[in-house]
Amino acid sequence: MKLLISIFLCCWAWTAYAQKTALPVVNIDKLPTTTDEFIALRNNIATTPQGGAAVWVVAAIIYSQNPMLGRQCLIIASDKSLLGAASTGYQGFDFGKSTDYLVKQLDSKKYVPNSYVIGTSPDTGYALGQTPYQVACFTNPYSGNEAEGKIKVFVKCTGADTDRPMTLVKNEKGHWKAVEFSSLVVGIRPPKQKSKGAAEGDF
């Protein structure tokens, strides 16, 4: 019986994967350096679910480089249901404990956000190349209906064999925001380590 259930689940997962639909790739010309620049980017591209996912990826990349600014950007990129009134964060709001725990997973894995940019690789330490940075997303038959204002997309990850799911909701202003992103903060293939000689400049 357990074997039959396992076979069924594998077939179901494969069917969903095989029927995935690619969404238009999102291009990021530059990383914002202020919250105002980030909001301008959000307003420009988060009008689609894949744009909302890309905005979250950009915020996570900024967080890996500048935790204070990045946290503010992640707050802006996330749905209000994940936030609560606070003296920290952004304009009187910050993440609740469970979401804060997820965000802090990136503290020890600063390379993870870069893996959601096409062209990065563990062989190069997930180093970002030249702009535009590109983020690719997909849907499958179980993603939900975009017209209902809530949908699950799957973000291409260069450090894993499968795309990473993220659920987004559309707010009253028409911006798509992340409401569930736990799969985007978990581990991926670690970046390739330089040999001792190469690390010291002896190539």
N, C-alpha and C. Protein backbone atom coordinates (compact mmCIF):
# COMPACT_ATOMS: atom_id res chain seq x y z
N MET A 1 0.83 -1.20 0.00
CA MET A 1 0.00 0.00 0.00
C MET A 1 0.87 1.26 0.00
N LYS A 2 1.90 1.25 0.87
CA LYS A 2 2.80 2.40 0.94
C LYS A 2 3.51 2.62 -0.39
N LEU A 3 3.86 1.51 -1.04
CA LEU A 3 4.53 1.59 -2.33
C LEU A 3 3.63 2.24 -3.37
N LEU A 4 2.34 1.86 -3.35
CA LEU A 4 1.39 2.43 -4.30
C LEU A 4 1.22 3.93 -4.07
N ILE A 5 1.16 4.32 -2.79
CA ILE A 5 1.03 5.73 -2.46
C ILE A 5 2.25 6.50 -2.93
N SER A 6 3.43 5.93 -2.73
CA SER A 6 4.66 6.59 -3.16
C SER A 6 4.70 6.75 -4.66
N ILE A 7 4.28 5.70 -5.36
CA ILE A 7 4.24 5.77 -6.83
C ILE A 7 3.27 6.84 -7.29
N PHE A 8 2.10 6.90 -6.63
CA PHE A 8 1.09 7.91 -6.98
C PHE A 8 1.63 9.32 -6.77
N LEU A 9 2.27 9.54 -5.62
CA LEU A 9 2.81 10.87 -5.33
C LEU A 9 3.89 11.26 -6.31
N CYS A 10 4.74 10.32 -6.68
CA CYS A 10 5.79 10.60 -7.65
C CYS A 10 5.20 10.94 -9.01
N CYS A 11 4.18 10.20 -9.41
CA CYS A 11 3.52 10.46 -10.70
C CYS A 11 2.84 11.82 -10.68
N TRP A 12 2.20 12.13 -9.54
CA TRP A 12 1.51 13.43 -9.42
C TRP A 12 2.51 14.57 -9.51
N ALA A 13 3.63 14.43 -8.81
CA ALA A 13 4.66 15.48 -8.83
C ALA A 13 5.25 15.63 -10.22
N TRP A 14 5.51 14.53 -10.87
CA TRP A 14 6.09 14.58 -12.21
C TRP A 14 5.11 15.21 -13.20
N THR A 15 3.82 14.87 -13.06
CA THR A 15 2.82 15.45 -13.96
C THR A 15 2.77 16.97 -13.81
N ALA A 16 2.79 17.43 -12.55
CA ALA A 16 2.76 18.88 -12.30
C ALA A 16 4.00 19.54 -12.88
N TYR A 17 5.16 18.88 -12.71
CA TYR A 17 6.41 19.46 -13.22
C TYR A 17 6.40 19.49 -14.74
N ALA A 18 5.91 18.40 -15.35
CA ALA A 18 5.91 18.30 -16.81
C ALA A 18 4.97 19.32 -17.44
N GLN A 19 3.95 19.73 -16.69
CA GLN A 19 2.96 20.66 -17.23
C GLN A 19 3.24 22.10 -16.81
N LYS A 20 4.43 22.38 -16.34
CA LYS A 20 4.72 23.74 -15.90
C LYS A 20 4.74 24.69 -17.08
N THR A 21 4.35 25.91 -16.82
CA THR A 21 4.27 26.95 -17.85
C THR A 21 5.22 28.08 -17.49
N ALA A 22 6.08 28.43 -18.41
CA ALA A 22 7.04 29.51 -18.16
C ALA A 22 6.34 30.87 -18.24
N LEU A 23 6.62 31.71 -17.29
CA LEU A 23 6.15 33.09 -17.31
C LEU A 23 7.24 33.97 -17.93
N PRO A 24 6.89 35.14 -18.42
CA PRO A 24 7.91 36.02 -18.99
C PRO A 24 9.03 36.29 -18.00
N VAL A 25 10.27 36.20 -18.47
CA VAL A 25 11.43 36.46 -17.62
C VAL A 25 11.45 37.93 -17.22
N VAL A 26 11.80 38.19 -15.96
CA VAL A 26 11.85 39.56 -15.45
C VAL A 26 13.29 40.04 -15.46
N ASN A 27 13.53 41.21 -16.02
CA ASN A 27 14.87 41.80 -16.09
C ASN A 27 15.03 42.89 -15.03
N ILE A 28 16.16 42.85 -14.34
CA ILE A 28 16.48 43.86 -13.33
C ILE A 28 17.72 44.60 -13.81
N ASP A 29 17.58 45.86 -14.14
CA ASP A 29 18.70 46.63 -14.71
C ASP A 29 19.75 47.02 -13.67
N LYS A 30 19.33 47.23 -12.43
CA LYS A 30 20.28 47.59 -11.37
C LYS A 30 19.66 47.30 -10.02
N LEU A 31 20.51 47.10 -9.02
CA LEU A 31 20.02 46.89 -7.66
C LEU A 31 19.76 48.25 -7.01
N PRO A 32 18.60 48.44 -6.43
CA PRO A 32 18.32 49.70 -5.73
C PRO A 32 19.28 49.91 -4.57
N THR A 33 19.57 51.16 -4.26
CA THR A 33 20.46 51.49 -3.15
C THR A 33 19.74 52.25 -2.04
N THR A 34 18.45 52.51 -2.24
CA THR A 34 17.63 53.17 -1.22
C THR A 34 16.23 52.55 -1.26
N THR A 35 15.45 52.78 -0.22
CA THR A 35 14.08 52.27 -0.23
C THR A 35 13.24 52.97 -1.30
N ASP A 36 13.51 54.23 -1.55
CA ASP A 36 12.77 54.94 -2.60
C ASP A 36 13.02 54.30 -3.96
N GLU A 37 14.28 53.95 -4.23
CA GLU A 37 14.60 53.29 -5.50
C GLU A 37 13.94 51.92 -5.55
N PHE A 38 13.90 51.24 -4.42
CA PHE A 38 13.28 49.91 -4.39
C PHE A 38 11.78 50.02 -4.64
N ILE A 39 11.13 50.99 -4.03
CA ILE A 39 9.69 51.18 -4.24
C ILE A 39 9.40 51.51 -5.70
N ALA A 40 10.28 52.31 -6.31
CA ALA A 40 10.10 52.64 -7.73
C ALA A 40 10.19 51.38 -8.58
N LEU A 41 11.15 50.50 -8.24
CA LEU A 41 11.28 49.24 -8.95
C LEU A 41 10.04 48.38 -8.73
N ARG A 42 9.58 48.31 -7.47
CA ARG A 42 8.38 47.55 -7.15
C ARG A 42 7.17 48.03 -7.95
N ASN A 43 7.01 49.33 -7.98
CA ASN A 43 5.87 49.90 -8.70
C ASN A 43 5.92 49.58 -10.19
N ASN A 44 7.13 49.43 -10.70
CA ASN A 44 7.31 49.20 -12.13
C ASN A 44 7.10 47.75 -12.54
N ILE A 45 7.57 46.80 -11.71
CA ILE A 45 7.54 45.40 -12.17
C ILE A 45 6.65 44.46 -11.36
N ALA A 46 6.21 44.87 -10.17
CA ALA A 46 5.40 43.96 -9.35
C ALA A 46 3.93 43.99 -9.74
N THR A 47 3.66 44.33 -10.97
CA THR A 47 2.29 44.34 -11.49
C THR A 47 1.89 42.96 -12.00
N THR A 48 2.82 42.01 -11.95
CA THR A 48 2.56 40.62 -12.32
C THR A 48 3.10 39.73 -11.20
N PRO A 49 2.61 38.49 -11.09
CA PRO A 49 3.15 37.60 -10.05
C PRO A 49 4.65 37.38 -10.18
N GLN A 50 5.12 37.17 -11.41
CA GLN A 50 6.57 36.96 -11.59
C GLN A 50 7.35 38.22 -11.25
N GLY A 51 6.75 39.38 -11.48
CA GLY A 51 7.39 40.63 -11.10
C GLY A 51 7.48 40.76 -9.59
N GLY A 52 6.42 40.35 -8.90
CA GLY A 52 6.43 40.37 -7.44
C GLY A 52 7.48 39.44 -6.88
N ALA A 53 7.63 38.27 -7.51
CA ALA A 53 8.65 37.31 -7.07
C ALA A 53 10.04 37.88 -7.30
N ALA A 54 10.24 38.52 -8.44
CA ALA A 54 11.55 39.11 -8.75
C ALA A 54 11.88 40.23 -7.77
N VAL A 55 10.89 41.01 -7.39
CA VAL A 55 11.10 42.08 -6.40
C VAL A 55 11.56 41.49 -5.08
N TRP A 56 10.94 40.38 -4.67
CA TRP A 56 11.37 39.72 -3.44
C TRP A 56 12.82 39.23 -3.55
N VAL A 57 13.16 38.65 -4.70
CA VAL A 57 14.53 38.17 -4.92
C VAL A 57 15.52 39.34 -4.81
N VAL A 58 15.18 40.46 -5.43
CA VAL A 58 16.05 41.64 -5.35
C VAL A 58 16.22 42.07 -3.89
N ALA A 59 15.13 42.08 -3.13
CA ALA A 59 15.20 42.47 -1.73
C ALA A 59 16.11 41.52 -0.95
N ALA A 60 16.02 40.22 -1.25
CA ALA A 60 16.85 39.24 -0.57
C ALA A 60 18.33 39.41 -0.93
N ILE A 61 18.60 39.74 -2.18
CA ILE A 61 19.98 40.01 -2.59
C ILE A 61 20.53 41.22 -1.84
N ILE A 62 19.72 42.28 -1.76
CA ILE A 62 20.13 43.48 -1.02
C ILE A 62 20.37 43.12 0.44
N TYR A 63 19.51 42.27 1.02
CA TYR A 63 19.66 41.87 2.41
C TYR A 63 21.00 41.17 2.63
N SER A 64 21.44 40.37 1.66
CA SER A 64 22.71 39.65 1.81
C SER A 64 23.90 40.61 1.78
N GLN A 65 23.70 41.80 1.20
CA GLN A 65 24.78 42.78 1.10
C GLN A 65 24.68 43.89 2.15
N ASN A 66 23.44 44.22 2.50
CA ASN A 66 23.17 45.32 3.44
C ASN A 66 21.93 44.94 4.24
N PRO A 67 22.11 44.21 5.35
CA PRO A 67 20.97 43.68 6.10
C PRO A 67 19.91 44.72 6.50
N MET A 68 20.33 45.91 6.89
CA MET A 68 19.36 46.91 7.33
C MET A 68 18.47 47.37 6.17
N LEU A 69 19.09 47.76 5.06
CA LEU A 69 18.33 48.17 3.89
C LEU A 69 17.55 46.99 3.33
N GLY A 70 18.19 45.82 3.28
CA GLY A 70 17.53 44.65 2.73
C GLY A 70 16.30 44.24 3.51
N ARG A 71 16.36 44.36 4.82
CA ARG A 71 15.19 44.02 5.63
C ARG A 71 14.03 44.96 5.31
N GLN A 72 14.33 46.23 5.17
CA GLN A 72 13.28 47.19 4.80
C GLN A 72 12.67 46.83 3.45
N CYS A 73 13.52 46.44 2.51
CA CYS A 73 13.03 46.07 1.18
C CYS A 73 12.20 44.79 1.24
N LEU A 74 12.63 43.82 2.05
CA LEU A 74 11.85 42.59 2.20
C LEU A 74 10.48 42.87 2.80
N ILE A 75 10.43 43.81 3.74
CA ILE A 75 9.14 44.21 4.33
C ILE A 75 8.24 44.81 3.25
N ILE A 76 8.81 45.66 2.43
CA ILE A 76 8.04 46.30 1.35
C ILE A 76 7.55 45.26 0.34
N ALA A 77 8.35 44.20 0.12
CA ALA A 77 8.02 43.17 -0.87
C ALA A 77 7.06 42.12 -0.34
N SER A 78 6.75 42.17 0.95
CA SER A 78 5.93 41.13 1.58
C SER A 78 4.52 41.62 1.89
N ASP A 79 3.60 40.67 1.96
CA ASP A 79 2.20 41.01 2.25
C ASP A 79 2.04 41.49 3.69
N LYS A 80 1.09 42.35 3.89
CA LYS A 80 0.87 42.95 5.21
C LYS A 80 0.51 41.91 6.27
N SER A 81 0.02 40.73 5.85
CA SER A 81 -0.33 39.69 6.81
C SER A 81 0.89 39.14 7.54
N LEU A 82 2.08 39.37 7.00
CA LEU A 82 3.31 38.90 7.62
C LEU A 82 3.91 39.93 8.57
N LEU A 83 3.29 41.10 8.65
CA LEU A 83 3.86 42.22 9.40
C LEU A 83 3.04 42.56 10.64
N GLY A 84 3.70 43.25 11.55
CA GLY A 84 3.03 43.75 12.73
C GLY A 84 3.63 45.08 13.12
N ALA A 85 2.90 45.84 13.94
CA ALA A 85 3.40 47.13 14.39
C ALA A 85 4.67 46.93 15.22
N ALA A 86 5.68 47.76 14.94
CA ALA A 86 6.96 47.63 15.64
C ALA A 86 7.74 48.93 15.55
N SER A 87 8.67 49.09 16.47
CA SER A 87 9.53 50.27 16.44
C SER A 87 10.72 50.07 15.50
N THR A 88 10.91 48.84 15.05
CA THR A 88 11.97 48.52 14.10
C THR A 88 11.35 48.33 12.72
N GLY A 89 12.18 47.90 11.77
CA GLY A 89 11.65 47.58 10.45
C GLY A 89 11.52 48.79 9.55
N TYR A 90 10.31 48.96 8.98
CA TYR A 90 10.10 50.04 8.01
C TYR A 90 8.78 50.74 8.30
N GLN A 91 8.86 52.02 8.57
CA GLN A 91 7.70 52.88 8.80
C GLN A 91 6.71 52.27 9.80
N GLY A 92 7.27 51.76 10.92
CA GLY A 92 6.42 51.27 12.00
C GLY A 92 5.95 49.85 11.86
N PHE A 93 6.49 49.11 10.90
CA PHE A 93 6.10 47.72 10.72
C PHE A 93 7.33 46.84 10.57
N ASP A 94 7.22 45.61 11.09
CA ASP A 94 8.31 44.65 10.96
C ASP A 94 7.70 43.25 10.89
N PHE A 95 8.54 42.27 10.58
CA PHE A 95 8.07 40.90 10.47
C PHE A 95 7.70 40.32 11.84
N GLY A 96 6.71 39.42 11.84
CA GLY A 96 6.40 38.66 13.03
C GLY A 96 7.50 37.64 13.28
N LYS A 97 7.43 36.94 14.42
CA LYS A 97 8.50 36.04 14.83
C LYS A 97 8.78 34.94 13.82
N SER A 98 7.73 34.29 13.30
CA SER A 98 7.94 33.16 12.40
C SER A 98 8.58 33.61 11.08
N THR A 99 8.14 34.75 10.56
CA THR A 99 8.72 35.25 9.31
C THR A 99 10.12 35.78 9.55
N ASP A 100 10.33 36.41 10.70
CA ASP A 100 11.65 36.89 11.06
C ASP A 100 12.64 35.73 11.11
N TYR A 101 12.20 34.60 11.64
CA TYR A 101 13.04 33.40 11.69
C TYR A 101 13.45 32.97 10.28
N LEU A 102 12.51 33.01 9.35
CA LEU A 102 12.80 32.63 7.97
C LEU A 102 13.82 33.58 7.35
N VAL A 103 13.61 34.86 7.53
CA VAL A 103 14.53 35.85 6.95
C VAL A 103 15.94 35.65 7.48
N LYS A 104 16.06 35.36 8.77
CA LYS A 104 17.37 35.21 9.38
C LYS A 104 18.11 33.96 8.93
N GLN A 105 17.40 33.06 8.24
CA GLN A 105 18.08 31.89 7.67
C GLN A 105 19.10 32.33 6.62
N LEU A 106 18.88 33.50 6.04
CA LEU A 106 19.79 34.00 5.01
C LEU A 106 21.07 34.56 5.61
N ASP A 107 21.10 34.79 6.91
CA ASP A 107 22.29 35.37 7.53
C ASP A 107 23.51 34.48 7.36
N SER A 108 23.30 33.17 7.41
CA SER A 108 24.42 32.24 7.29
C SER A 108 24.54 31.66 5.88
N LYS A 109 23.66 32.09 4.98
CA LYS A 109 23.67 31.59 3.60
C LYS A 109 23.47 32.77 2.65
N LYS A 110 24.39 33.70 2.70
CA LYS A 110 24.25 34.93 1.93
C LYS A 110 24.24 34.70 0.42
N TYR A 111 24.70 33.55 -0.01
CA TYR A 111 24.75 33.24 -1.44
C TYR A 111 23.41 32.75 -1.98
N VAL A 112 22.49 32.35 -1.10
CA VAL A 112 21.22 31.77 -1.56
C VAL A 112 20.43 32.72 -2.47
N PRO A 113 20.23 33.99 -2.12
CA PRO A 113 19.43 34.86 -3.01
C PRO A 113 19.97 34.95 -4.43
N ASN A 114 21.31 34.92 -4.57
CA ASN A 114 21.89 35.02 -5.91
C ASN A 114 21.54 33.83 -6.78
N SER A 115 21.19 32.71 -6.16
CA SER A 115 20.89 31.50 -6.94
C SER A 115 19.58 31.63 -7.71
N TYR A 116 18.81 32.67 -7.44
CA TYR A 116 17.55 32.89 -8.16
C TYR A 116 17.75 33.82 -9.36
N VAL A 117 19.00 34.11 -9.66
CA VAL A 117 19.33 34.89 -10.85
C VAL A 117 19.90 33.96 -11.90
N ILE A 118 19.34 33.99 -13.08
CA ILE A 118 19.78 33.12 -14.17
C ILE A 118 21.25 33.39 -14.47
N GLY A 119 22.01 32.30 -14.63
CA GLY A 119 23.41 32.44 -15.00
C GLY A 119 24.38 32.30 -13.84
N THR A 120 23.88 32.36 -12.60
CA THR A 120 24.76 32.15 -11.46
C THR A 120 25.02 30.66 -11.31
N SER A 121 26.05 30.32 -10.54
CA SER A 121 26.45 28.92 -10.44
C SER A 121 27.24 28.69 -9.16
N PRO A 122 27.12 27.49 -8.56
CA PRO A 122 27.95 27.19 -7.39
C PRO A 122 29.44 27.21 -7.74
N ASP A 123 29.77 26.96 -9.01
CA ASP A 123 31.18 26.94 -9.43
C ASP A 123 31.82 28.31 -9.32
N THR A 124 31.02 29.36 -9.40
CA THR A 124 31.55 30.73 -9.29
C THR A 124 31.14 31.40 -8.00
N GLY A 125 30.70 30.59 -7.02
CA GLY A 125 30.27 31.15 -5.75
C GLY A 125 28.97 31.93 -5.86
N TYR A 126 28.18 31.64 -6.89
CA TYR A 126 26.93 32.33 -7.16
C TYR A 126 27.14 33.83 -7.38
N ALA A 127 28.30 34.17 -7.90
CA ALA A 127 28.59 35.58 -8.17
C ALA A 127 27.63 36.12 -9.23
N LEU A 128 27.15 37.32 -9.01
CA LEU A 128 26.27 37.95 -9.99
C LEU A 128 27.11 38.44 -11.16
N GLY A 129 26.61 38.24 -12.36
CA GLY A 129 27.31 38.72 -13.54
C GLY A 129 26.90 40.15 -13.86
N GLN A 130 26.93 40.47 -15.12
CA GLN A 130 26.54 41.81 -15.54
C GLN A 130 25.03 41.93 -15.62
N THR A 131 24.54 43.12 -15.43
CA THR A 131 23.10 43.37 -15.58
C THR A 131 22.75 43.35 -17.07
N PRO A 132 21.48 43.10 -17.40
CA PRO A 132 20.38 42.94 -16.45
C PRO A 132 20.38 41.57 -15.79
N TYR A 133 20.03 41.54 -14.48
CA TYR A 133 19.82 40.28 -13.79
C TYR A 133 18.45 39.76 -14.21
N GLN A 134 18.36 38.47 -14.41
CA GLN A 134 17.11 37.88 -14.89
C GLN A 134 16.58 36.86 -13.89
N VAL A 135 15.28 36.93 -13.64
CA VAL A 135 14.61 36.00 -12.74
C VAL A 135 13.52 35.29 -13.54
N ALA A 136 13.55 33.96 -13.50
CA ALA A 136 12.60 33.15 -14.27
C ALA A 136 11.63 32.44 -13.34
N CYS A 137 10.35 32.50 -13.65
CA CYS A 137 9.32 31.85 -12.83
C CYS A 137 8.40 30.99 -13.71
N PHE A 138 7.75 30.04 -13.06
CA PHE A 138 6.85 29.12 -13.74
C PHE A 138 5.59 28.93 -12.90
N THR A 139 4.55 28.46 -13.55
CA THR A 139 3.35 28.02 -12.86
C THR A 139 3.08 26.58 -13.26
N ASN A 140 2.18 25.92 -12.54
CA ASN A 140 1.74 24.58 -12.95
C ASN A 140 0.22 24.51 -12.76
N PRO A 141 -0.41 23.40 -13.11
CA PRO A 141 -1.88 23.33 -13.03
C PRO A 141 -2.45 23.55 -11.63
N TYR A 142 -1.60 23.48 -10.61
CA TYR A 142 -2.08 23.62 -9.24
C TYR A 142 -1.68 24.96 -8.62
N SER A 143 -1.23 25.89 -9.44
CA SER A 143 -0.76 27.18 -8.94
C SER A 143 -1.88 28.09 -8.45
N GLY A 144 -3.09 27.85 -8.92
CA GLY A 144 -4.19 28.75 -8.57
C GLY A 144 -4.50 29.68 -9.72
N ASN A 145 -5.40 30.61 -9.47
CA ASN A 145 -5.89 31.50 -10.51
C ASN A 145 -5.43 32.93 -10.23
N GLU A 146 -4.65 33.47 -11.13
CA GLU A 146 -4.15 34.83 -10.97
C GLU A 146 -5.28 35.83 -10.83
N ALA A 147 -6.39 35.58 -11.53
CA ALA A 147 -7.52 36.50 -11.50
C ALA A 147 -8.14 36.62 -10.10
N GLU A 148 -7.90 35.62 -9.25
CA GLU A 148 -8.45 35.64 -7.90
C GLU A 148 -7.54 36.38 -6.92
N GLY A 149 -6.39 36.86 -7.43
CA GLY A 149 -5.51 37.66 -6.58
C GLY A 149 -4.57 36.87 -5.71
N LYS A 150 -4.43 35.59 -5.96
CA LYS A 150 -3.48 34.76 -5.20
C LYS A 150 -2.99 33.64 -6.10
N ILE A 151 -1.67 33.45 -6.12
CA ILE A 151 -1.12 32.43 -7.00
C ILE A 151 0.24 31.97 -6.48
N LYS A 152 0.56 30.72 -6.78
CA LYS A 152 1.86 30.17 -6.42
C LYS A 152 2.72 30.12 -7.69
N VAL A 153 3.91 30.68 -7.62
CA VAL A 153 4.85 30.58 -8.73
C VAL A 153 6.06 29.80 -8.26
N PHE A 154 6.83 29.31 -9.21
CA PHE A 154 8.02 28.53 -8.90
C PHE A 154 9.22 29.25 -9.51
N VAL A 155 10.15 29.64 -8.65
CA VAL A 155 11.29 30.45 -9.07
C VAL A 155 12.45 29.55 -9.44
N LYS A 156 13.02 29.76 -10.62
CA LYS A 156 14.18 28.98 -11.06
C LYS A 156 15.34 29.19 -10.10
N CYS A 157 15.95 28.09 -9.67
CA CYS A 157 17.07 28.15 -8.73
C CYS A 157 18.27 27.45 -9.35
N THR A 158 19.40 28.15 -9.46
CA THR A 158 20.59 27.57 -10.09
C THR A 158 21.36 26.68 -9.12
N GLY A 159 20.91 26.61 -7.87
CA GLY A 159 21.60 25.77 -6.89
C GLY A 159 20.79 24.56 -6.46
N ALA A 160 19.71 24.26 -7.18
CA ALA A 160 18.86 23.12 -6.85
C ALA A 160 18.31 22.49 -8.13
N ASP A 161 17.84 21.27 -8.00
CA ASP A 161 17.32 20.54 -9.17
C ASP A 161 15.88 20.91 -9.49
N THR A 162 15.20 21.53 -8.54
CA THR A 162 13.80 21.91 -8.76
C THR A 162 13.60 23.39 -8.49
N ASP A 163 12.57 23.94 -9.10
CA ASP A 163 12.22 25.34 -8.88
C ASP A 163 11.63 25.51 -7.48
N ARG A 164 11.79 26.67 -6.89
CA ARG A 164 11.35 26.92 -5.52
C ARG A 164 10.01 27.66 -5.50
N PRO A 165 9.02 27.10 -4.78
CA PRO A 165 7.68 27.71 -4.76
C PRO A 165 7.59 28.94 -3.86
N MET A 166 6.80 29.89 -4.31
CA MET A 166 6.50 31.11 -3.56
C MET A 166 5.06 31.49 -3.85
N THR A 167 4.32 31.84 -2.80
CA THR A 167 2.93 32.26 -2.99
C THR A 167 2.85 33.78 -2.87
N LEU A 168 2.12 34.38 -3.80
CA LEU A 168 1.98 35.83 -3.82
C LEU A 168 0.51 36.21 -3.84
N VAL A 169 0.23 37.38 -3.27
CA VAL A 169 -1.13 37.92 -3.30
C VAL A 169 -1.07 39.34 -3.87
N LYS A 170 -2.18 39.75 -4.45
CA LYS A 170 -2.26 41.07 -5.06
C LYS A 170 -2.95 42.03 -4.10
N ASN A 171 -2.30 43.16 -3.80
CA ASN A 171 -2.90 44.09 -2.85
C ASN A 171 -3.84 45.08 -3.57
N GLU A 172 -4.40 45.99 -2.81
CA GLU A 172 -5.39 46.92 -3.37
C GLU A 172 -4.80 47.86 -4.41
N LYS A 173 -3.49 48.08 -4.36
CA LYS A 173 -2.83 48.96 -5.33
C LYS A 173 -2.40 48.22 -6.59
N GLY A 174 -2.65 46.92 -6.62
CA GLY A 174 -2.28 46.14 -7.80
C GLY A 174 -0.87 45.58 -7.76
N HIS A 175 -0.22 45.64 -6.60
CA HIS A 175 1.13 45.10 -6.46
C HIS A 175 1.06 43.67 -5.94
N TRP A 176 1.86 42.79 -6.56
CA TRP A 176 1.94 41.41 -6.09
C TRP A 176 3.02 41.32 -5.01
N LYS A 177 2.64 40.74 -3.86
CA LYS A 177 3.56 40.65 -2.73
C LYS A 177 3.66 39.23 -2.22
N ALA A 178 4.82 38.89 -1.67
CA ALA A 178 5.06 37.55 -1.16
C ALA A 178 4.29 37.34 0.14
N VAL A 179 3.58 36.21 0.21
CA VAL A 179 2.88 35.86 1.44
C VAL A 179 3.43 34.55 2.02
N GLU A 180 4.18 33.79 1.21
CA GLU A 180 4.80 32.56 1.68
C GLU A 180 6.06 32.33 0.85
N PHE A 181 7.23 32.33 1.51
CA PHE A 181 8.48 32.20 0.77
C PHE A 181 9.49 31.29 1.47
N SER A 182 8.99 30.41 2.34
CA SER A 182 9.89 29.58 3.15
C SER A 182 10.85 28.73 2.31
N SER A 183 10.41 28.29 1.14
CA SER A 183 11.26 27.43 0.31
C SER A 183 12.42 28.19 -0.33
N LEU A 184 12.35 29.51 -0.33
CA LEU A 184 13.42 30.30 -0.95
C LEU A 184 14.54 30.66 0.01
N VAL A 185 14.44 30.24 1.26
CA VAL A 185 15.50 30.55 2.23
C VAL A 185 16.22 29.28 2.71
N VAL A 186 15.81 28.12 2.19
CA VAL A 186 16.47 26.88 2.60
C VAL A 186 17.75 26.67 1.81
N GLY A 187 18.52 25.69 2.24
CA GLY A 187 19.83 25.46 1.65
C GLY A 187 19.81 25.04 0.18
N ILE A 188 20.90 25.32 -0.48
CA ILE A 188 21.11 24.92 -1.87
C ILE A 188 22.52 24.31 -1.95
N ARG A 189 22.95 23.96 -3.14
CA ARG A 189 24.31 23.45 -3.28
C ARG A 189 25.28 24.52 -2.80
N PRO A 190 26.21 24.19 -1.93
CA PRO A 190 27.14 25.20 -1.44
C PRO A 190 28.05 25.69 -2.54
N PRO A 191 28.49 26.93 -2.45
CA PRO A 191 29.41 27.45 -3.47
C PRO A 191 30.73 26.69 -3.44
N LYS A 192 31.31 26.51 -4.59
CA LYS A 192 32.58 25.80 -4.69
C LYS A 192 33.67 26.60 -3.99
N GLN A 193 34.43 25.93 -3.14
CA GLN A 193 35.48 26.59 -2.40
C GLN A 193 36.76 26.68 -3.23
N LYS A 194 37.44 27.81 -3.14
CA LYS A 194 38.73 27.94 -3.81
C LYS A 194 39.76 27.08 -3.10
N SER A 195 40.72 26.58 -3.85
CA SER A 195 41.81 25.86 -3.22
C SER A 195 42.63 26.83 -2.37
N LYS A 196 43.39 26.29 -1.43
CA LYS A 196 44.19 27.15 -0.56
C LYS A 196 45.11 28.05 -1.37
N GLY A 197 45.72 27.49 -2.41
CA GLY A 197 46.61 28.28 -3.24
C GLY A 197 45.90 29.40 -3.96
N ALA A 198 44.75 29.08 -4.56
CA ALA A 198 43.99 30.10 -5.29
C ALA A 198 43.49 31.19 -4.35
N ALA A 199 43.08 30.78 -3.13
CA ALA A 199 42.60 31.76 -2.17
C ALA A 199 43.69 32.74 -1.76
N GLU A 200 44.94 32.30 -1.88
CA GLU A 200 46.06 33.15 -1.51
C GLU A 200 46.72 33.83 -2.72
N GLY A 201 46.08 33.64 -3.89
CA GLY A 201 46.61 34.27 -5.10
C GLY A 201 47.60 33.42 -5.88
N ASP A 202 47.78 32.16 -5.44
CA ASP A 202 48.69 31.25 -6.15
C ASP A 202 47.86 30.37 -7.07
N PHE A 203 47.73 30.79 -8.34
CA PHE A 203 46.88 30.08 -9.29
C PHE A 203 47.67 29.04 -10.08
